[in-house]
C-alpha atoms as a PDB file:
ATOM      1  CA  MET A   1      99.804  82.143  -8.207  1.00  0.00           C
ATOM      2  CA  SER A   2      96.814  79.852  -7.759  1.00  0.00           C
ATOM      3  CA  SER A   3      93.204  80.514  -6.797  1.00  0.00           C
ATOM      4  CA  ILE A   4      90.184  78.807  -5.292  1.00  0.00           C
ATOM      5  CA  VAL A   5      86.468  79.600  -5.412  1.00  0.00           C
ATOM      6  CA  THR A   6      84.526  79.543  -2.162  1.00  0.00           C
ATOM      7  CA  GLY A   7      80.976  78.261  -1.739  1.00  0.00           C
ATOM      8  CA  GLU A   8      79.828  81.884  -2.022  1.00  0.00           C
ATOM      9  CA  ALA A   9      81.465  82.083  -5.485  1.00  0.00           C
ATOM     10  CA  VAL A  10      84.172  84.454  -4.241  1.00  0.00           C
ATOM     11  CA  VAL A  11      87.501  84.017  -5.993  1.00  0.00           C
ATOM     12  CA  LEU A  12      90.437  83.879  -3.600  1.00  0.00           C
ATOM     13  CA  GLU A  13      93.966  84.317  -4.800  1.00  0.00           C
ATOM     14  CA  LEU A  14      96.594  82.134  -3.166  1.00  0.00           C
ATOM     15  CA  ARG A  15      99.984  83.804  -3.366  1.00  0.00           C
ATOM     16  CA  PRO A  16     102.875  81.711  -2.013  1.00  0.00           C
ATOM     17  CA  ALA A  17     105.116  83.755   0.272  1.00  0.00           C
ATOM     18  CA  GLY A  18     108.479  84.771  -1.102  1.00  0.00           C
ATOM     19  CA  PHE A  19     111.766  83.493   0.283  1.00  0.00           C
ATOM     20  CA  ALA A  20     112.754  86.810   1.858  1.00  0.00           C
ATOM     21  CA  ALA A  21     109.361  87.291   3.545  1.00  0.00           C
ATOM     22  CA  ARG A  22     109.561  83.825   5.082  1.00  0.00           C
ATOM     23  CA  MET A  23     113.075  84.453   6.394  1.00  0.00           C
ATOM     24  CA  VAL A  24     112.104  87.762   8.023  1.00  0.00           C
ATOM     25  CA  SER A  25     108.992  86.184   9.524  1.00  0.00           C
ATOM     26  CA  ALA A  26     111.002  83.278  10.950  1.00  0.00           C
ATOM     27  CA  LEU A  27     113.625  85.651  12.346  1.00  0.00           C
ATOM     28  CA  ILE A  28     110.975  87.655  14.214  1.00  0.00           C
ATOM     29  CA  ASP A  29     109.495  84.464  15.692  1.00  0.00           C
ATOM     30  CA  VAL A  30     112.907  83.115  16.712  1.00  0.00           C
ATOM     31  CA  VAL A  31     113.967  86.359  18.421  1.00  0.00           C
ATOM     32  CA  VAL A  32     110.695  86.588  20.363  1.00  0.00           C
ATOM     33  CA  GLN A  33     110.769  82.913  21.400  1.00  0.00           C
ATOM     34  CA  VAL A  34     114.389  83.068  22.540  1.00  0.00           C
ATOM     35  CA  LEU A  35     113.843  86.262  24.549  1.00  0.00           C
ATOM     36  CA  VAL A  36     110.753  84.842  26.284  1.00  0.00           C
ATOM     37  CA  PHE A  37     112.541  81.544  26.912  1.00  0.00           C
ATOM     38  CA  VAL A  38     115.582  83.232  28.443  1.00  0.00           C
ATOM     39  CA  GLY A  39     113.390  85.367  30.679  1.00  0.00           C
ATOM     40  CA  LEU A  40     111.396  82.368  31.940  1.00  0.00           C
ATOM     41  CA  LEU A  41     114.576  80.332  32.363  1.00  0.00           C
ATOM     42  CA  LEU A  42     116.097  82.999  34.606  1.00  0.00           C
ATOM     43  CA  LEU A  43     112.950  83.058  36.729  1.00  0.00           C
ATOM     44  CA  VAL A  44     112.980  79.276  37.112  1.00  0.00           C
ATOM     45  CA  ALA A  45     116.675  79.251  37.967  1.00  0.00           C
ATOM     46  CA  ARG A  46     116.271  81.881  40.658  1.00  0.00           C
ATOM     47  CA  ALA A  47     113.242  80.143  42.140  1.00  0.00           C
ATOM     48  CA  VAL A  48     114.433  76.538  42.502  1.00  0.00           C
ATOM     49  CA  GLU A  49     118.108  76.114  41.600  1.00  0.00           C
ATOM     50  CA  ALA A  50     119.431  76.854  45.071  1.00  0.00           C
ATOM     51  CA  SER A  51     117.065  74.423  46.775  1.00  0.00           C
ATOM     52  CA  ASP A  52     116.921  71.600  44.204  1.00  0.00           C
ATOM     53  CA  PRO A  53     119.282  71.627  41.155  1.00  0.00           C
ATOM     54  CA  ALA A  54     117.698  68.439  39.727  1.00  0.00           C
ATOM     55  CA  LEU A  55     114.281  70.059  39.753  1.00  0.00           C
ATOM     56  CA  ALA A  56     115.731  73.126  38.055  1.00  0.00           C
ATOM     57  CA  ARG A  57     117.167  70.993  35.238  1.00  0.00           C
ATOM     58  CA  ALA A  58     113.854  69.146  34.801  1.00  0.00           C
ATOM     59  CA  LEU A  59     111.919  72.402  34.698  1.00  0.00           C
ATOM     60  CA  SER A  60     114.398  73.864  32.231  1.00  0.00           C
ATOM     61  CA  LEU A  61     113.953  70.892  29.891  1.00  0.00           C
ATOM     62  CA  SER A  62     110.187  71.143  30.206  1.00  0.00           C
ATOM     63  CA  LEU A  63     110.450  74.839  29.433  1.00  0.00           C
ATOM     64  CA  VAL A  64     112.388  74.071  26.232  1.00  0.00           C
ATOM     65  CA  VAL A  65     109.683  71.677  25.022  1.00  0.00           C
ATOM     66  CA  LEU A  66     106.939  74.100  26.008  1.00  0.00           C
ATOM     67  CA  MET A  67     108.428  77.191  24.370  1.00  0.00           C
ATOM     68  CA  PHE A  68     109.800  75.667  21.167  1.00  0.00           C
ATOM     69  CA  VAL A  69     107.338  72.857  20.428  1.00  0.00           C
ATOM     70  CA  VAL A  70     104.029  73.090  22.294  1.00  0.00           C
ATOM     71  CA  VAL A  71     103.428  76.858  22.288  1.00  0.00           C
ATOM     72  CA  PRO A  72     104.280  77.410  18.575  1.00  0.00           C
ATOM     73  CA  ALA A  73     102.066  74.471  17.569  1.00  0.00           C
ATOM     74  CA  ALA A  74      99.191  75.681  19.740  1.00  0.00           C
ATOM     75  CA  VAL A  75      99.439  79.267  18.471  1.00  0.00           C
ATOM     76  CA  GLU A  76      99.620  78.125  14.855  1.00  0.00           C
ATOM     77  CA  THR A  77      96.572  75.889  15.296  1.00  0.00           C
ATOM     78  CA  LEU A  78      94.425  78.418  17.149  1.00  0.00           C
ATOM     79  CA  THR A  79      95.261  81.272  14.771  1.00  0.00           C
ATOM     80  CA  ARG A  80      94.933  79.078  11.660  1.00  0.00           C
ATOM     81  CA  GLY A  81      98.522  79.396  10.556  1.00  0.00           C
ATOM     82  CA  LYS A  82      99.537  82.712  12.084  1.00  0.00           C
ATOM     83  CA  SER A  83     102.392  83.681  14.393  1.00  0.00           C
ATOM     84  CA  LEU A  84     103.816  87.011  15.516  1.00  0.00           C
ATOM     85  CA  GLY A  85     106.308  87.072  12.651  1.00  0.00           C
ATOM     86  CA  ARG A  86     103.740  86.013  10.062  1.00  0.00           C
ATOM     87  CA  LEU A  87     101.274  88.587  11.367  1.00  0.00           C
ATOM     88  CA  ALA A  88     103.925  91.289  10.906  1.00  0.00           C
ATOM     89  CA  MET A  89     104.739  90.107   7.371  1.00  0.00           C
ATOM     90  CA  GLY A  90     101.160  89.345   6.288  1.00  0.00           C
ATOM     91  CA  LEU A  91     101.736  85.599   5.920  1.00  0.00           C
ATOM     92  CA  ARG A  92      99.856  82.457   6.899  1.00  0.00           C
ATOM     93  CA  ILE A  93     100.630  78.731   6.912  1.00  0.00           C
ATOM     94  CA  VAL A  94      98.099  76.592   5.022  1.00  0.00           C
ATOM     95  CA  ARG A  95      97.837  73.029   3.787  1.00  0.00           C
ATOM     96  CA  ASP A  96      98.915  72.187   0.253  1.00  0.00           C
ATOM     97  CA  ASP A  97      95.238  72.231  -0.779  1.00  0.00           C
ATOM     98  CA  GLY A  98      94.774  75.742   0.620  1.00  0.00           C
ATOM     99  CA  GLY A  99      92.886  74.673   3.767  1.00  0.00           C
ATOM    100  CA  SER A 100      93.644  75.685   7.345  1.00  0.00           C
ATOM    101  CA  VAL A 101      96.352  73.764   9.194  1.00  0.00           C
ATOM    102  CA  ARG A 102      95.407  71.323  11.955  1.00  0.00           C
ATOM    103  CA  PHE A 103      97.300  70.535  15.147  1.00  0.00           C
ATOM    104  CA  ARG A 104      99.032  67.564  13.524  1.00  0.00           C
ATOM    105  CA  HIS A 105     100.453  69.811  10.819  1.00  0.00           C
ATOM    106  CA  ALA A 106     101.560  72.399  13.381  1.00  0.00           C
ATOM    107  CA  ILE A 107     103.218  69.874  15.720  1.00  0.00           C
ATOM    108  CA  ILE A 108     105.200  68.324  12.860  1.00  0.00           C
ATOM    109  CA  ARG A 109     106.395  71.785  11.862  1.00  0.00           C
ATOM    110  CA  SER A 110     107.327  72.638  15.465  1.00  0.00           C
ATOM    111  CA  PHE A 111     109.278  69.416  16.063  1.00  0.00           C
ATOM    112  CA  THR A 112     111.133  69.842  12.791  1.00  0.00           C
ATOM    113  CA  ALA A 113     111.887  73.487  13.561  1.00  0.00           C
ATOM    114  CA  VAL A 114     113.879  72.458  16.622  1.00  0.00           C
ATOM    115  CA  LEU A 115     116.318  70.661  14.298  1.00  0.00           C
ATOM    116  CA  GLU A 116     116.383  72.804  11.177  1.00  0.00           C
ATOM    117  CA  ILE A 117     116.068  76.240  12.765  1.00  0.00           C
ATOM    118  CA  TYR A 118     117.414  76.092  16.318  1.00  0.00           C
ATOM    119  CA  MET A 119     119.924  73.207  16.406  1.00  0.00           C
ATOM    120  CA  LEU A 120     121.338  73.941  12.941  1.00  0.00           C
ATOM    121  CA  ALA A 121     120.978  77.729  13.211  1.00  0.00           C
ATOM    122  CA  GLY A 122     118.503  77.823  10.342  1.00  0.00           C
ATOM    123  CA  SER A 123     120.975  76.466   7.773  1.00  0.00           C
ATOM    124  CA  LEU A 124     118.878  73.419   6.845  1.00  0.00           C
ATOM    125  CA  ALA A 125     115.674  75.466   6.567  1.00  0.00           C
ATOM    126  CA  PHE A 126     117.553  78.019   4.452  1.00  0.00           C
ATOM    127  CA  MET A 127     118.906  75.458   2.003  1.00  0.00           C
ATOM    128  CA  VAL A 128     115.611  73.572   1.594  1.00  0.00           C
ATOM    129  CA  ALA A 129     113.541  76.759   1.136  1.00  0.00           C
ATOM    130  CA  LEU A 130     116.054  78.231  -1.289  1.00  0.00           C
ATOM    131  CA  PHE A 131     115.578  75.401  -3.783  1.00  0.00           C
ATOM    132  CA  ASN A 132     111.807  75.014  -3.394  1.00  0.00           C
ATOM    133  CA  SER A 133     109.275  76.709  -5.667  1.00  0.00           C
ATOM    134  CA  LYS A 134     107.061  77.680  -2.697  1.00  0.00           C
ATOM    135  CA  SER A 135     109.947  78.423  -0.289  1.00  0.00           C
ATOM    136  CA  LYS A 136     109.009  75.422   1.832  1.00  0.00           C
ATOM    137  CA  ARG A 137     111.291  74.384   4.674  1.00  0.00           C
ATOM    138  CA  LEU A 138     111.724  70.771   5.746  1.00  0.00           C
ATOM    139  CA  GLY A 139     108.839  70.998   8.219  1.00  0.00           C
ATOM    140  CA  ASP A 140     106.516  72.129   5.429  1.00  0.00           C
ATOM    141  CA  LEU A 141     107.549  69.226   3.198  1.00  0.00           C
ATOM    142  CA  LEU A 142     106.869  66.712   5.983  1.00  0.00           C
ATOM    143  CA  ALA A 143     103.593  68.325   7.097  1.00  0.00           C
ATOM    144  CA  GLY A 144     102.240  69.091   3.622  1.00  0.00           C
ATOM    145  CA  THR A 145     102.022  72.845   4.194  1.00  0.00           C
ATOM    146  CA  TYR A 146     103.393  76.088   2.812  1.00  0.00           C
ATOM    147  CA  ALA A 147     103.307  79.808   3.587  1.00  0.00           C
ATOM    148  CA  LEU A 148     101.214  82.214   1.570  1.00  0.00           C
ATOM    149  CA  ARG A 149     100.310  85.844   1.636  1.00  0.00           C
ATOM    150  CA  ASP A 150      96.954  86.403   3.275  1.00  0.00           C
ATOM    151  CA  ARG A 151      94.026  85.532   0.985  1.00  0.00           C
ATOM    152  CA  VAL A 152      92.650  88.480  -0.865  1.00  0.00           C
ATOM    153  CA  VAL A 153      89.499  88.792  -2.894  1.00  0.00           C
ATOM    154  CA  ALA A 154      90.458  88.918  -6.547  1.00  0.00           C
ATOM    155  CA  PRO A 155      89.373  92.122  -8.279  1.00  0.00           C
ATOM    156  CA  LEU A 156      86.143  91.727 -10.186  1.00  0.00           C
ATOM    157  CA  PRO A 157      86.623  91.574 -13.951  1.00  0.00           C
ATOM    158  CA  GLN A 158      85.668  94.724 -15.846  1.00  0.00           C
ATOM    159  CA  LEU A 159      82.171  94.533 -17.279  1.00  0.00           C
ATOM    160  CA  VAL A 160      82.233  94.174 -21.071  1.00  0.00           C
ATOM    161  CA  GLU A 161      80.052  96.760 -22.818  1.00  0.00           C
ATOM    162  CA  ALA A 162      78.875  96.759 -26.425  1.00  0.00           C
ATOM    163  CA  PRO A 163      80.332  99.595 -28.536  1.00  0.00           C
ATOM    164  CA  PRO A 164      77.605 102.240 -29.061  1.00  0.00           C
ATOM    165  CA  GLU A 165      77.816 101.968 -32.860  1.00  0.00           C
ATOM    166  CA  LEU A 166      76.945  98.241 -32.666  1.00  0.00           C
ATOM    167  CA  ALA A 167      74.163  98.457 -30.076  1.00  0.00           C
ATOM    168  CA  GLY A 168      71.364  98.551 -32.665  1.00  0.00           C
ATOM    169  CA  TRP A 169      72.787  95.653 -34.659  1.00  0.00           C
ATOM    170  CA  ALA A 170      73.381  93.527 -31.530  1.00  0.00           C
ATOM    171  CA  ASP A 171      69.833  94.123 -30.301  1.00  0.00           C
ATOM    172  CA  LEU A 172      68.355  92.620 -33.498  1.00  0.00           C
ATOM    173  CA  ALA A 173      70.953  89.922 -34.239  1.00  0.00           C
ATOM    174  CA  ASP A 174      70.212  86.234 -33.785  1.00  0.00           C
ATOM    175  CA  MET A 175      72.915  84.860 -31.484  1.00  0.00           C
ATOM    176  CA  GLY A 176      73.197  81.154 -30.805  1.00  0.00           C
ATOM    177  CA  ARG A 177      74.973  79.589 -27.857  1.00  0.00           C
ATOM    178  CA  LEU A 178      78.758  79.823 -28.180  1.00  0.00           C
ATOM    179  CA  PRO A 179      80.765  76.614 -27.540  1.00  0.00           C
ATOM    180  CA  ASP A 180      82.223  76.608 -24.036  1.00  0.00           C
ATOM    181  CA  GLY A 181      85.808  76.554 -25.254  1.00  0.00           C
ATOM    182  CA  LEU A 182      85.276  79.487 -27.602  1.00  0.00           C
ATOM    183  CA  ALA A 183      83.413  81.469 -24.931  1.00  0.00           C
ATOM    184  CA  ARG A 184      86.291  80.981 -22.455  1.00  0.00           C
ATOM    185  CA  ARG A 185      88.878  82.037 -25.029  1.00  0.00           C
ATOM    186  CA  ILE A 186      86.916  85.187 -25.889  1.00  0.00           C
ATOM    187  CA  SER A 187      86.502  86.011 -22.193  1.00  0.00           C
ATOM    188  CA  ARG A 188      90.243  85.623 -21.537  1.00  0.00           C
ATOM    189  CA  PHE A 189      91.104  87.688 -24.599  1.00  0.00           C
ATOM    190  CA  LEU A 190      88.827  90.589 -23.615  1.00  0.00           C
ATOM    191  CA  ALA A 191      90.216  90.541 -20.067  1.00  0.00           C
ATOM    192  CA  GLN A 192      93.830  90.641 -21.266  1.00  0.00           C
ATOM    193  CA  SER A 193      93.565  92.618 -24.499  1.00  0.00           C
ATOM    194  CA  ASP A 194      94.751  95.888 -22.926  1.00  0.00           C
ATOM    195  CA  ARG A 195      98.064  94.213 -22.045  1.00  0.00           C
ATOM    196  CA  MET A 196      98.650  92.743 -25.519  1.00  0.00           C
ATOM    197  CA  THR A 197     100.704  94.234 -28.321  1.00  0.00           C
ATOM    198  CA  GLY A 198      98.789  95.806 -31.198  1.00  0.00           C
ATOM    199  CA  SER A 199      99.567  93.197 -33.854  1.00  0.00           C
ATOM    200  CA  ALA A 200      98.963  90.169 -31.629  1.00  0.00           C
ATOM    201  CA  ARG A 201      95.763  91.725 -30.313  1.00  0.00           C
ATOM    202  CA  THR A 202      94.397  92.311 -33.813  1.00  0.00           C
ATOM    203  CA  VAL A 203      95.337  88.849 -35.106  1.00  0.00           C
ATOM    204  CA  LEU A 204      93.792  87.034 -32.142  1.00  0.00           C
ATOM    205  CA  ALA A 205      90.643  89.182 -32.263  1.00  0.00           C
ATOM    206  CA  ALA A 206      90.206  88.389 -35.965  1.00  0.00           C
ATOM    207  CA  GLU A 207      90.668  84.670 -35.314  1.00  0.00           C
ATOM    208  CA  LEU A 208      88.085  84.617 -32.514  1.00  0.00           C
ATOM    209  CA  ALA A 209      85.672  86.760 -34.495  1.00  0.00           C
ATOM    210  CA  GLY A 210      85.934  84.340 -37.432  1.00  0.00           C
ATOM    211  CA  GLU A 211      84.945  81.432 -35.193  1.00  0.00           C
ATOM    212  CA  THR A 212      82.087  83.445 -33.684  1.00  0.00           C
ATOM    213  CA  THR A 213      80.446  84.336 -37.000  1.00  0.00           C
ATOM    214  CA  ALA A 214      79.130  80.766 -37.335  1.00  0.00           C
ATOM    215  CA  HIS A 215      76.872  81.407 -34.321  1.00  0.00           C
ATOM    216  CA  VAL A 216      75.671  84.943 -35.139  1.00  0.00           C
ATOM    217  CA  SER A 217      73.358  86.210 -37.891  1.00  0.00           C
ATOM    218  CA  PRO A 218      73.315  88.625 -39.603  1.00  0.00           C
ATOM    219  CA  GLN A 219      76.943  89.665 -39.636  1.00  0.00           C
ATOM    220  CA  PRO A 220      77.924  93.097 -38.284  1.00  0.00           C
ATOM    221  CA  PRO A 221      78.140  96.161 -40.554  1.00  0.00           C
ATOM    222  CA  PRO A 222      81.086  96.155 -42.993  1.00  0.00           C
ATOM    223  CA  GLY A 223      84.309  97.542 -41.547  1.00  0.00           C
ATOM    224  CA  THR A 224      83.498  96.522 -37.962  1.00  0.00           C
ATOM    225  CA  HIS A 225      86.658  95.914 -35.951  1.00  0.00           C
ATOM    226  CA  PRO A 226      86.904  92.254 -34.782  1.00  0.00           C
ATOM    227  CA  GLU A 227      87.395  93.206 -31.125  1.00  0.00           C
ATOM    228  CA  ALA A 228      84.389  95.560 -31.181  1.00  0.00           C
ATOM    229  CA  TYR A 229      82.368  92.725 -32.718  1.00  0.00           C
ATOM    230  CA  LEU A 230      83.406  90.336 -29.929  1.00  0.00           C
ATOM    231  CA  ARG A 231      82.547  92.881 -27.240  1.00  0.00           C
ATOM    232  CA  ALA A 232      79.111  93.448 -28.767  1.00  0.00           C
ATOM    233  CA  VAL A 233      78.392  89.701 -28.922  1.00  0.00           C
ATOM    234  CA  VAL A 234      79.532  89.034 -25.357  1.00  0.00           C
ATOM    235  CA  ALA A 235      77.651  92.021 -23.910  1.00  0.00           C
ATOM    236  CA  GLU A 236      74.428  91.224 -25.792  1.00  0.00           C
ATOM    237  CA  ARG A 237      74.469  87.524 -24.838  1.00  0.00           C
ATOM    238  CA  ARG A 238      75.048  88.467 -21.196  1.00  0.00           C
ATOM    239  CA  ASP A 239      72.155  90.918 -21.198  1.00  0.00           C
ATOM    240  CA  ARG A 240      69.857  88.369 -22.853  1.00  0.00           C
ATOM    241  CA  ASP A 241      70.814  85.742 -20.269  1.00  0.00           C
ATOM    242  CA  TYR A 242      70.009  88.186 -17.456  1.00  0.00           C
ATOM    243  CA  VAL A 243      66.595  88.899 -18.962  1.00  0.00           C
ATOM    244  CA  ARG A 244      65.870  85.186 -19.447  1.00  0.00           C
ATOM    245  CA  LEU A 245      66.863  84.308 -15.893  1.00  0.00           C
ATOM    246  CA  ASP A 246      64.846  87.185 -14.476  1.00  0.00           C
ATOM    247  CA  ARG A 247      61.798  86.047 -16.463  1.00  0.00           C
ATOM    248  CA  GLN A 248      62.211  82.488 -15.162  1.00  0.00           C
ATOM    249  CA  ARG A 249      62.421  83.737 -11.556  1.00  0.00           C
ATOM    250  CA  GLN A 250      59.254  85.771 -12.023  1.00  0.00           C
ATOM    251  CA  GLN A 251      57.401  82.806 -13.540  1.00  0.00           C
ATOM    252  CA  SER A 252      58.546  80.543 -10.709  1.00  0.00           C
ATOM    253  CA  GLY A 253      57.361  83.096  -8.154  1.00  0.00           C
ATOM    254  CA  GLU A 254      53.970  83.460  -9.822  1.00  0.00           C
ATOM    255  CA  LEU A 255      53.523  79.696  -9.990  1.00  0.00           C
ATOM    256  CA  GLY A 256      54.422  79.301  -6.334  1.00  0.00           C
ATOM    257  CA  GLU A 257      51.971  82.036  -5.376  1.00  0.00           C
ATOM    258  CA  ARG A 258      49.141  80.366  -7.350  1.00  0.00           C
ATOM    259  CA  LEU A 259      49.846  77.008  -5.743  1.00  0.00           C
ATOM    260  CA  HIS A 260      49.877  78.626  -2.337  1.00  0.00           C
ATOM    261  CA  ARG A 261      46.436  80.147  -2.931  1.00  0.00           C
ATOM    262  CA  MET A 262      44.835  76.961  -4.286  1.00  0.00           C
ATOM    263  CA  PRO A 263      42.403  75.311  -1.834  1.00  0.00           C
ATOM    264  CA  PHE A 264      43.263  71.771  -0.864  1.00  0.00           C
ATOM    265  CA  SER A 265      40.823  69.262   0.490  1.00  0.00           C
ATOM    266  CA  ASP A 266      41.630  66.301   2.698  1.00  0.00           C
END
């Protein structure tokens, strides 16, 4: 699984579609396209075959290109990677960088689908997708695309709170800025600690707490558990940052108001 962060600072998880989901999605699309094609072909045949067989053959060929190349590419472009089958399975086609597909991506996929899905009965698409980490078919490899499950907003991380018994100590402690690497490691540990085994959790907490003590004074009361210590430090530093930023915003607002009220002469 990969993720991207939007300009609004929303984390989006990108989950590549599984092999089975892609196969079911493709099967739905193929069945619908073939049924619509056969229905239109019968209408064309009834309308012009008796009067002009050559025209009927030309229209039939045009109908093949329209139904299996142009229409799928247009639908995929306009819906940003959707189709009837993908809509049913909750999938979407995107570029390798996670962006929306363009018409050039969709037309490459449609042309290739004629060979790997229709002419070869899906065998080529099956073999290529089976041995690809993102279940890509040949058209995806050529177009630089893949299928993923619809983007979902990642759940917000649980807010770290200081243990009540350490609240008084944390409020008075002098806490310097933690190195970025250490801060990231502590954050990951606290987010994943509930899923860790007891021994590994304790050892890692003690290691991180030992590195943190160089930036905190005085040390916590004797007997404090390392993980409780880390939670108290993280929660207190977060609260202090919020207060500092709020104070800066207020000062900026007051300064702007004073400047606005100052008289200016030409």
